[in-house]
N, C-alpha and C. Protein backbone atom coordinates (compact mmCIF):
# COMPACT_ATOMS: atom_id res chain seq x y z
N UNK A 1 176.90 -67.64 45.07
CA UNK A 1 178.23 -68.14 44.94
C UNK A 1 178.56 -68.36 43.47
N UNK A 2 179.74 -67.97 43.11
CA UNK A 2 180.16 -67.96 41.72
C UNK A 2 180.97 -69.16 41.37
N UNK A 3 180.68 -69.90 40.33
CA UNK A 3 181.42 -71.08 39.87
C UNK A 3 182.56 -70.58 38.97
N UNK A 4 183.77 -71.13 39.20
CA UNK A 4 184.88 -70.77 38.29
C UNK A 4 185.12 -71.87 37.25
N UNK A 5 184.37 -72.98 37.35
CA UNK A 5 184.53 -73.98 36.32
C UNK A 5 185.83 -74.80 36.55
N UNK A 6 186.41 -74.73 37.70
CA UNK A 6 187.61 -75.48 38.07
C UNK A 6 187.24 -76.74 38.82
N UNK A 7 187.77 -77.78 38.35
CA UNK A 7 187.53 -79.10 39.05
C UNK A 7 188.86 -79.75 39.44
N UNK A 8 189.01 -80.16 40.64
CA UNK A 8 190.24 -80.79 41.13
C UNK A 8 189.88 -82.15 41.76
N UNK A 9 190.72 -83.14 41.54
CA UNK A 9 190.53 -84.45 42.20
C UNK A 9 191.15 -84.40 43.60
N UNK A 10 190.54 -85.18 44.46
CA UNK A 10 191.04 -85.39 45.82
C UNK A 10 192.05 -86.57 45.72
N UNK A 11 193.29 -86.35 46.24
CA UNK A 11 194.27 -87.40 46.16
C UNK A 11 194.00 -88.42 47.27
N UNK A 12 194.77 -89.59 47.25
CA UNK A 12 194.47 -90.73 48.19
C UNK A 12 194.54 -90.26 49.72
N UNK A 13 195.28 -89.15 50.00
CA UNK A 13 195.31 -88.79 51.39
C UNK A 13 194.39 -87.51 51.68
N UNK A 14 193.50 -87.20 50.72
CA UNK A 14 192.54 -86.14 50.92
C UNK A 14 192.88 -84.75 50.55
N UNK A 15 193.99 -84.61 49.86
CA UNK A 15 194.48 -83.24 49.49
C UNK A 15 193.91 -82.81 48.16
N UNK A 16 193.76 -81.47 48.02
CA UNK A 16 193.51 -80.90 46.70
C UNK A 16 194.49 -79.84 46.46
N UNK A 17 194.75 -79.44 45.21
CA UNK A 17 195.64 -78.39 44.88
C UNK A 17 194.80 -77.13 44.53
N UNK A 18 195.04 -75.96 45.11
CA UNK A 18 194.44 -74.85 44.71
C UNK A 18 195.14 -74.26 43.57
N UNK A 19 194.43 -73.88 42.48
CA UNK A 19 195.10 -73.31 41.25
C UNK A 19 195.87 -72.08 41.59
N UNK A 20 196.99 -71.89 40.92
CA UNK A 20 197.84 -70.76 41.12
C UNK A 20 197.11 -69.41 41.07
N UNK A 21 196.18 -69.37 40.17
CA UNK A 21 195.33 -68.07 39.99
C UNK A 21 194.59 -67.76 41.27
N UNK A 22 194.05 -68.77 41.91
CA UNK A 22 193.31 -68.54 43.22
C UNK A 22 194.28 -68.19 44.31
N UNK A 23 195.39 -68.88 44.35
CA UNK A 23 196.36 -68.53 45.41
C UNK A 23 196.84 -67.08 45.25
N UNK A 24 197.05 -66.68 44.06
CA UNK A 24 197.39 -65.26 43.79
C UNK A 24 196.27 -64.26 44.19
N UNK A 25 195.09 -64.59 43.81
CA UNK A 25 193.89 -63.81 44.01
C UNK A 25 193.67 -63.55 45.61
N UNK A 26 193.93 -64.60 46.38
CA UNK A 26 193.71 -64.51 47.78
C UNK A 26 194.97 -64.37 48.54
N UNK A 27 196.08 -64.08 47.90
CA UNK A 27 197.33 -63.85 48.53
C UNK A 27 197.75 -65.01 49.40
N UNK A 28 197.70 -66.16 48.82
CA UNK A 28 198.09 -67.44 49.50
C UNK A 28 199.35 -68.00 48.88
N UNK A 29 200.35 -67.11 48.74
CA UNK A 29 201.57 -67.53 48.04
C UNK A 29 202.71 -67.94 48.93
N UNK A 30 202.65 -67.66 50.19
CA UNK A 30 203.66 -68.00 51.20
C UNK A 30 203.32 -69.41 51.79
N UNK A 31 204.41 -70.14 52.05
CA UNK A 31 204.16 -71.41 52.71
C UNK A 31 203.62 -71.29 54.19
N UNK A 32 203.72 -70.05 54.64
CA UNK A 32 203.19 -69.67 56.08
C UNK A 32 201.75 -69.33 56.09
N UNK A 33 201.14 -69.17 54.84
CA UNK A 33 199.74 -68.78 54.82
C UNK A 33 198.86 -69.97 55.15
N UNK A 34 197.74 -69.74 55.83
CA UNK A 34 196.85 -70.81 56.20
C UNK A 34 195.42 -70.50 55.67
N UNK A 35 194.60 -71.58 55.63
CA UNK A 35 193.27 -71.50 55.17
C UNK A 35 192.28 -72.09 56.22
N UNK A 36 191.22 -71.38 56.56
CA UNK A 36 190.21 -71.91 57.42
C UNK A 36 189.22 -72.66 56.65
N UNK A 37 188.66 -73.74 57.22
CA UNK A 37 187.67 -74.54 56.52
C UNK A 37 186.35 -74.48 57.31
N UNK A 38 185.34 -74.20 56.57
CA UNK A 38 183.94 -74.08 57.11
C UNK A 38 183.07 -75.06 56.30
N UNK A 39 181.97 -75.47 56.95
CA UNK A 39 181.00 -76.30 56.36
C UNK A 39 179.65 -75.64 56.39
N UNK A 40 178.90 -75.49 55.29
CA UNK A 40 177.62 -74.89 55.29
C UNK A 40 176.72 -75.89 54.50
N UNK A 41 175.92 -76.69 55.25
CA UNK A 41 175.11 -77.79 54.66
C UNK A 41 175.93 -78.64 53.79
N UNK A 42 175.85 -78.54 52.46
CA UNK A 42 176.58 -79.42 51.57
C UNK A 42 177.74 -78.71 50.91
N UNK A 43 178.16 -77.59 51.50
CA UNK A 43 179.29 -76.85 50.90
C UNK A 43 180.50 -76.85 51.84
N UNK A 44 181.72 -76.95 51.23
CA UNK A 44 182.98 -76.77 51.99
C UNK A 44 183.43 -75.40 51.55
N UNK A 45 183.71 -74.54 52.53
CA UNK A 45 184.08 -73.11 52.20
C UNK A 45 185.55 -72.93 52.76
N UNK A 46 186.42 -72.47 51.89
CA UNK A 46 187.80 -72.16 52.28
C UNK A 46 187.93 -70.64 52.41
N UNK A 47 188.59 -70.16 53.47
CA UNK A 47 188.83 -68.74 53.64
C UNK A 47 190.23 -68.54 54.18
N UNK A 48 190.87 -67.55 53.63
CA UNK A 48 192.25 -67.26 54.07
C UNK A 48 192.18 -66.97 55.59
N UNK A 49 193.01 -67.63 56.35
CA UNK A 49 193.06 -67.45 57.77
C UNK A 49 193.81 -66.22 58.16
N UNK A 50 193.10 -65.33 58.86
CA UNK A 50 193.73 -64.16 59.45
C UNK A 50 193.43 -64.12 60.90
N UNK A 51 194.50 -64.34 61.74
CA UNK A 51 194.27 -64.39 63.16
C UNK A 51 193.69 -63.10 63.66
N UNK A 52 192.64 -63.20 64.48
CA UNK A 52 191.95 -62.02 65.04
C UNK A 52 191.62 -62.22 66.50
N UNK A 53 191.38 -61.09 67.16
CA UNK A 53 191.07 -61.08 68.61
C UNK A 53 189.81 -61.84 68.86
N UNK A 54 189.80 -62.70 69.87
CA UNK A 54 188.57 -63.47 70.19
C UNK A 54 187.52 -62.60 70.79
N UNK A 55 187.86 -61.43 71.28
CA UNK A 55 186.82 -60.51 71.85
C UNK A 55 186.22 -59.54 70.91
N UNK A 56 187.08 -58.84 70.18
CA UNK A 56 186.53 -57.73 69.25
C UNK A 56 186.66 -58.01 67.81
N UNK A 57 187.45 -59.08 67.48
CA UNK A 57 187.60 -59.48 66.03
C UNK A 57 188.72 -58.70 65.23
N UNK A 58 189.33 -57.79 65.91
CA UNK A 58 190.41 -56.98 65.30
C UNK A 58 191.58 -57.86 64.96
N UNK A 59 192.23 -57.57 63.78
CA UNK A 59 193.42 -58.32 63.40
C UNK A 59 194.67 -57.49 63.64
N UNK A 60 194.52 -56.35 64.35
CA UNK A 60 195.68 -55.47 64.57
C UNK A 60 196.33 -55.76 65.94
N UNK A 61 197.66 -55.74 66.00
CA UNK A 61 198.37 -55.88 67.23
C UNK A 61 197.98 -57.15 68.03
N UNK A 62 197.97 -58.27 67.40
CA UNK A 62 197.52 -59.56 67.99
C UNK A 62 198.66 -60.15 68.81
N UNK A 63 198.30 -60.57 69.99
CA UNK A 63 199.28 -61.36 70.84
C UNK A 63 198.58 -62.68 71.25
N UNK A 64 199.32 -63.60 71.64
CA UNK A 64 198.69 -64.86 72.02
C UNK A 64 198.85 -65.00 73.59
N UNK A 65 197.71 -65.30 74.24
CA UNK A 65 197.67 -65.44 75.67
C UNK A 65 196.95 -66.82 75.96
N UNK A 66 197.67 -67.69 76.59
CA UNK A 66 197.20 -69.07 76.93
C UNK A 66 196.50 -69.69 75.75
N UNK A 67 197.13 -69.61 74.61
CA UNK A 67 196.65 -70.30 73.43
C UNK A 67 195.51 -69.55 72.66
N UNK A 68 195.17 -68.44 73.10
CA UNK A 68 194.10 -67.56 72.46
C UNK A 68 194.65 -66.35 71.81
N UNK A 69 194.11 -65.89 70.74
CA UNK A 69 194.54 -64.62 70.07
C UNK A 69 193.72 -63.44 70.76
N UNK A 70 194.44 -62.46 71.11
CA UNK A 70 193.80 -61.27 71.70
C UNK A 70 194.59 -59.99 71.23
N UNK A 71 193.84 -58.93 71.01
CA UNK A 71 194.53 -57.69 70.62
C UNK A 71 195.07 -56.99 71.86
N UNK A 72 196.04 -56.14 71.66
CA UNK A 72 196.60 -55.39 72.84
C UNK A 72 195.60 -54.51 73.47
N UNK A 73 194.64 -53.93 72.70
CA UNK A 73 193.66 -53.02 73.31
C UNK A 73 192.74 -53.80 74.28
N UNK A 74 192.30 -55.01 73.85
CA UNK A 74 191.45 -55.86 74.72
C UNK A 74 192.19 -56.31 75.98
N UNK A 75 193.49 -56.68 75.69
CA UNK A 75 194.32 -57.15 76.86
C UNK A 75 194.47 -55.98 77.93
N UNK A 76 194.56 -54.77 77.43
CA UNK A 76 194.71 -53.63 78.35
C UNK A 76 193.38 -53.44 79.09
N UNK A 77 192.22 -53.58 78.43
CA UNK A 77 190.94 -53.40 79.05
C UNK A 77 190.75 -54.48 80.14
N UNK A 78 191.11 -55.70 79.78
CA UNK A 78 191.00 -56.75 80.76
C UNK A 78 191.86 -56.54 81.92
N UNK A 79 193.11 -56.08 81.74
CA UNK A 79 194.00 -55.72 82.79
C UNK A 79 193.47 -54.67 83.79
N UNK A 80 192.81 -53.68 83.24
CA UNK A 80 192.25 -52.58 84.00
C UNK A 80 191.03 -53.13 84.88
N UNK A 81 190.31 -54.04 84.32
CA UNK A 81 189.10 -54.55 84.99
C UNK A 81 189.49 -55.47 86.17
N UNK A 82 190.64 -56.12 86.09
CA UNK A 82 191.06 -57.01 87.15
C UNK A 82 191.82 -56.34 88.25
N UNK A 83 192.13 -55.07 88.06
CA UNK A 83 192.82 -54.28 89.12
C UNK A 83 191.88 -53.72 90.12
């Protein structure tokens, strides 16, 4: 893991501000962009959230079915197996 030498304080409600350079680097410039949060032992890891199919992991042609993300190809496969 590479240190960028950037330190940010946590505000009273637990927020931090990501520097503009990082937001540009990870294409997080829209207010609709989201970040996933992971924990690995003593590390907090932020990753740009890209919705993907729960079955195959593809991020192409995603639809939502009963609150879950699924790609159209997997939806078609499931439809064929239930017939």
